[in-house]
């Protein structure tokens, strides 16, 4: 009986100590952001590089003011990619279609379009399509940062592609989400060391 009471007391003290131990949620306001990652100049080989434009649909862009600012920059990158004869591919959300892609960024006839959730490789032919054309590196721009861009960047890296993400070619509803994605791509297992962060005007072919 005494041993049972002692065990109960020890257990209760342990639970109390555990409850008092602060979690990241308790310490949320004390966290400081790490230094910003360096953006790099990118010289892309158009023969082995594809530009992936993810979910630039009227609904996804129109509902996010920060996303609107990406459109002219991505449009200029798209024009340079096509002029260099780099491969261009697109994605839609589950509720989208090629017709709902913004007019400024509409796919040309013959440019590949897939439909998927956040990882545009999952459940689609995107990997086979890219590898079948000798692609070794992808430039990923899209909406939203913490959705399609993050998911597809991880998916591409795990499938053996080098990944380039122009941070001014992606956006979210919040700056924190964009900051988190940049940190994740530079630091998390599976992508660390395989992703280059850049700007659209720092990419040349």
Protein backbone atom coordinates (compact mmCIF):
# COMPACT_ATOMS: atom_id res chain seq x y z
CA UNK A 1 0.00 0.00 0.00
CA UNK A 2 2.79 2.42 0.96
CA UNK A 3 4.64 1.60 -2.25
CA UNK A 4 1.50 2.30 -4.31
CA UNK A 5 1.02 5.68 -2.64
CA UNK A 6 4.70 6.52 -3.18
CA UNK A 7 4.48 5.56 -6.85
CA UNK A 8 1.36 7.72 -7.22
CA UNK A 9 3.11 10.67 -5.58
CA UNK A 10 6.18 10.32 -7.82
CA UNK A 11 3.94 10.07 -10.89
CA UNK A 12 1.96 13.17 -9.86
CA UNK A 13 5.15 15.15 -9.26
CA UNK A 14 6.44 14.07 -12.66
CA UNK A 15 3.25 15.18 -14.39
CA UNK A 16 3.37 18.51 -12.55
CA UNK A 17 6.98 19.07 -13.62
CA UNK A 18 6.11 18.12 -17.18
CA UNK A 19 3.17 20.54 -17.22
CA UNK A 20 5.43 23.34 -15.97
CA UNK A 21 8.07 22.71 -18.63
CA UNK A 22 7.60 25.44 -21.29
CA UNK A 23 6.82 24.40 -24.85
CA UNK A 24 7.56 26.31 -28.04
CA UNK A 25 3.98 27.62 -27.88
CA UNK A 26 4.63 29.02 -24.40
CA UNK A 27 7.86 30.65 -25.60
CA UNK A 28 6.48 31.77 -28.97
CA UNK A 29 6.96 35.48 -28.37
CA UNK A 30 10.59 35.09 -27.31
CA UNK A 31 11.77 33.48 -30.55
CA UNK A 32 13.99 35.62 -32.76
CA UNK A 33 14.18 35.05 -36.50
CA UNK A 34 17.55 33.78 -37.76
CA UNK A 35 19.59 35.90 -40.19
CA UNK A 36 18.13 36.14 -43.68
CA UNK A 37 19.56 33.68 -46.21
CA UNK A 38 21.73 35.04 -49.00
CA UNK A 39 20.21 35.22 -52.46
CA UNK A 40 22.42 33.94 -55.27
CA UNK A 41 22.87 34.64 -58.96
CA UNK A 42 21.74 31.70 -61.10
CA UNK A 43 22.98 30.80 -64.56
CA UNK A 44 20.58 28.13 -65.79
CA UNK A 45 21.19 25.80 -68.70
CA UNK A 46 17.95 25.91 -70.73
CA UNK A 47 18.57 22.40 -72.04
CA UNK A 48 18.35 20.88 -68.56
CA UNK A 49 16.24 23.42 -66.66
CA UNK A 50 12.45 23.68 -66.47
CA UNK A 51 10.38 26.57 -65.18
CA UNK A 52 7.45 25.35 -63.07
CA UNK A 53 4.63 27.84 -62.55
CA UNK A 54 2.39 26.59 -59.77
CA UNK A 55 -1.26 27.52 -59.19
CA UNK A 56 -1.19 31.02 -60.66
CA UNK A 57 -4.97 30.95 -60.84
CA UNK A 58 -7.40 33.84 -60.63
CA UNK A 59 -8.71 32.56 -57.29
CA UNK A 60 -5.37 31.88 -55.60
CA UNK A 61 -3.75 35.13 -56.73
CA UNK A 62 -6.76 37.40 -56.50
CA UNK A 63 -7.39 36.57 -52.86
CA UNK A 64 -3.82 37.42 -51.79
CA UNK A 65 -2.59 41.01 -52.28
CA UNK A 66 1.06 39.98 -51.95
CA UNK A 67 0.55 37.45 -54.74
CA UNK A 68 -0.53 40.15 -57.19
CA UNK A 69 2.91 41.76 -56.96
CA UNK A 70 4.59 38.55 -58.16
CA UNK A 71 2.76 38.45 -61.49
CA UNK A 72 4.77 40.99 -63.56
CA UNK A 73 8.05 39.58 -62.23
CA UNK A 74 7.06 36.01 -63.06
CA UNK A 75 5.76 37.15 -66.43
CA UNK A 76 9.21 38.58 -67.26
CA UNK A 77 10.90 35.36 -66.10
CA UNK A 78 8.49 33.33 -68.23
CA UNK A 79 9.30 35.42 -71.30
CA UNK A 80 13.05 34.94 -70.78
CA UNK A 81 12.60 31.20 -70.24
CA UNK A 82 10.61 30.80 -73.44
CA UNK A 83 13.07 32.94 -75.38
CA UNK A 84 15.88 30.64 -74.20
CA UNK A 85 13.82 27.58 -75.20
CA UNK A 86 13.70 26.32 -71.62
CA UNK A 87 10.92 23.86 -70.80
CA UNK A 88 7.88 25.40 -69.09
CA UNK A 89 5.27 23.44 -67.13
CA UNK A 90 2.28 24.45 -65.04
CA UNK A 91 0.09 23.20 -62.25
CA UNK A 92 -3.47 23.75 -61.17
CA UNK A 93 -5.13 23.35 -57.81
CA UNK A 94 -7.73 20.64 -57.43
CA UNK A 95 -10.47 23.10 -58.32
CA UNK A 96 -8.61 24.80 -61.16
CA UNK A 97 -7.99 24.22 -64.84
CA UNK A 98 -5.75 25.65 -67.56
CA UNK A 99 -8.54 28.15 -68.27
CA UNK A 100 -8.35 29.57 -64.72
CA UNK A 101 -4.62 30.40 -64.98
CA UNK A 102 -4.01 34.15 -65.11
CA UNK A 103 -4.07 35.56 -68.63
CA UNK A 104 -0.60 37.09 -68.15
CA UNK A 105 0.86 33.63 -67.48
CA UNK A 106 -1.34 31.37 -69.62
CA UNK A 107 0.30 28.19 -70.95
CA UNK A 108 1.01 28.01 -74.64
CA UNK A 109 -0.37 25.08 -76.63
CA UNK A 110 1.76 22.04 -75.84
CA UNK A 111 3.08 23.31 -72.48
CA UNK A 112 2.48 20.66 -69.85
CA UNK A 113 -0.13 21.15 -67.09
CA UNK A 114 -0.71 18.90 -64.09
CA UNK A 115 -3.32 19.02 -61.35
CA UNK A 116 -2.51 18.06 -57.76
CA UNK A 117 -2.52 19.22 -54.18
CA UNK A 118 0.60 20.76 -52.61
CA UNK A 119 3.24 18.40 -54.08
CA UNK A 120 2.70 18.63 -57.82
CA UNK A 121 4.72 15.45 -58.35
CA UNK A 122 2.42 13.33 -56.20
CA UNK A 123 -0.10 11.41 -58.27
CA UNK A 124 0.89 13.11 -61.55
CA UNK A 125 3.23 12.41 -64.46
CA UNK A 126 5.39 15.47 -63.75
CA UNK A 127 8.51 13.51 -62.75
CA UNK A 128 8.35 11.26 -65.81
CA UNK A 129 7.62 14.25 -68.06
CA UNK A 130 10.64 16.23 -66.81
CA UNK A 131 13.11 13.35 -66.67
CA UNK A 132 11.98 12.16 -70.09
CA UNK A 133 13.16 15.49 -71.46
CA UNK A 134 16.51 15.48 -69.71
CA UNK A 135 15.59 18.01 -67.01
CA UNK A 136 17.92 18.05 -64.02
CA UNK A 137 16.96 21.38 -62.44
CA UNK A 138 13.68 23.18 -61.80
CA UNK A 139 12.87 26.81 -61.15
CA UNK A 140 9.78 26.93 -58.96
CA UNK A 141 7.51 29.96 -58.72
CA UNK A 142 3.96 29.82 -57.46
CA UNK A 143 1.17 30.53 -55.06
CA UNK A 144 1.19 29.81 -52.18
CA UNK A 145 4.61 29.69 -50.58
CA UNK A 146 3.73 27.29 -47.77
CA UNK A 147 1.62 25.13 -50.06
CA UNK A 148 2.55 24.35 -53.66
CA UNK A 149 5.99 25.98 -53.56
CA UNK A 150 7.17 24.26 -50.40
CA UNK A 151 5.54 20.91 -51.20
CA UNK A 152 6.79 20.79 -54.78
CA UNK A 153 10.29 21.99 -53.85
CA UNK A 154 10.57 19.13 -51.36
CA UNK A 155 9.07 16.71 -53.89
CA UNK A 156 11.50 17.82 -56.60
CA UNK A 157 14.52 17.58 -54.31
CA UNK A 158 13.59 14.10 -53.11
CA UNK A 159 13.25 13.02 -56.74
CA UNK A 160 16.78 14.13 -57.60
CA UNK A 161 16.20 17.56 -59.14
CA UNK A 162 18.18 20.66 -58.20
CA UNK A 163 15.75 23.36 -57.09
CA UNK A 164 15.83 27.13 -57.64
CA UNK A 165 13.24 29.28 -55.89
CA UNK A 166 12.96 33.00 -56.71
CA UNK A 167 11.55 34.45 -53.51
CA UNK A 168 9.93 37.34 -55.38
CA UNK A 169 8.07 34.84 -57.56
CA UNK A 170 6.09 33.32 -54.73
CA UNK A 171 3.87 34.73 -52.02
CA UNK A 172 1.41 33.91 -49.28
CA UNK A 173 -1.26 35.65 -47.27
CA UNK A 174 1.33 36.41 -44.60
CA UNK A 175 4.96 37.45 -44.57
CA UNK A 176 5.64 34.96 -41.79
CA UNK A 177 4.69 32.04 -44.05
CA UNK A 178 7.04 33.32 -46.75
CA UNK A 179 9.83 33.72 -44.20
CA UNK A 180 9.26 30.25 -42.79
CA UNK A 181 9.36 28.66 -46.25
CA UNK A 182 12.67 30.38 -47.07
CA UNK A 183 14.12 29.10 -43.79
CA UNK A 184 12.80 25.58 -44.35
CA UNK A 185 14.22 25.33 -47.86
CA UNK A 186 17.66 26.36 -46.62
CA UNK A 187 17.74 24.26 -43.46
CA UNK A 188 15.45 21.23 -43.44
CA UNK A 189 16.53 17.66 -44.24
CA UNK A 190 15.58 16.63 -47.75
CA UNK A 191 16.13 20.09 -49.22
CA UNK A 192 19.11 21.55 -47.36
CA UNK A 193 22.03 22.01 -49.74
CA UNK A 194 19.91 21.27 -52.80
CA UNK A 195 17.94 24.52 -53.06
CA UNK A 196 19.13 27.93 -54.23
CA UNK A 197 17.17 31.01 -53.20
CA UNK A 198 17.28 33.88 -55.67
CA UNK A 199 15.18 36.59 -57.32
CA UNK A 200 13.56 36.49 -60.73
CA UNK A 201 15.96 39.16 -62.03
CA UNK A 202 18.96 37.18 -60.80
CA UNK A 203 18.19 34.21 -63.08
CA UNK A 204 19.74 34.13 -66.55
CA UNK A 205 19.89 31.52 -69.28
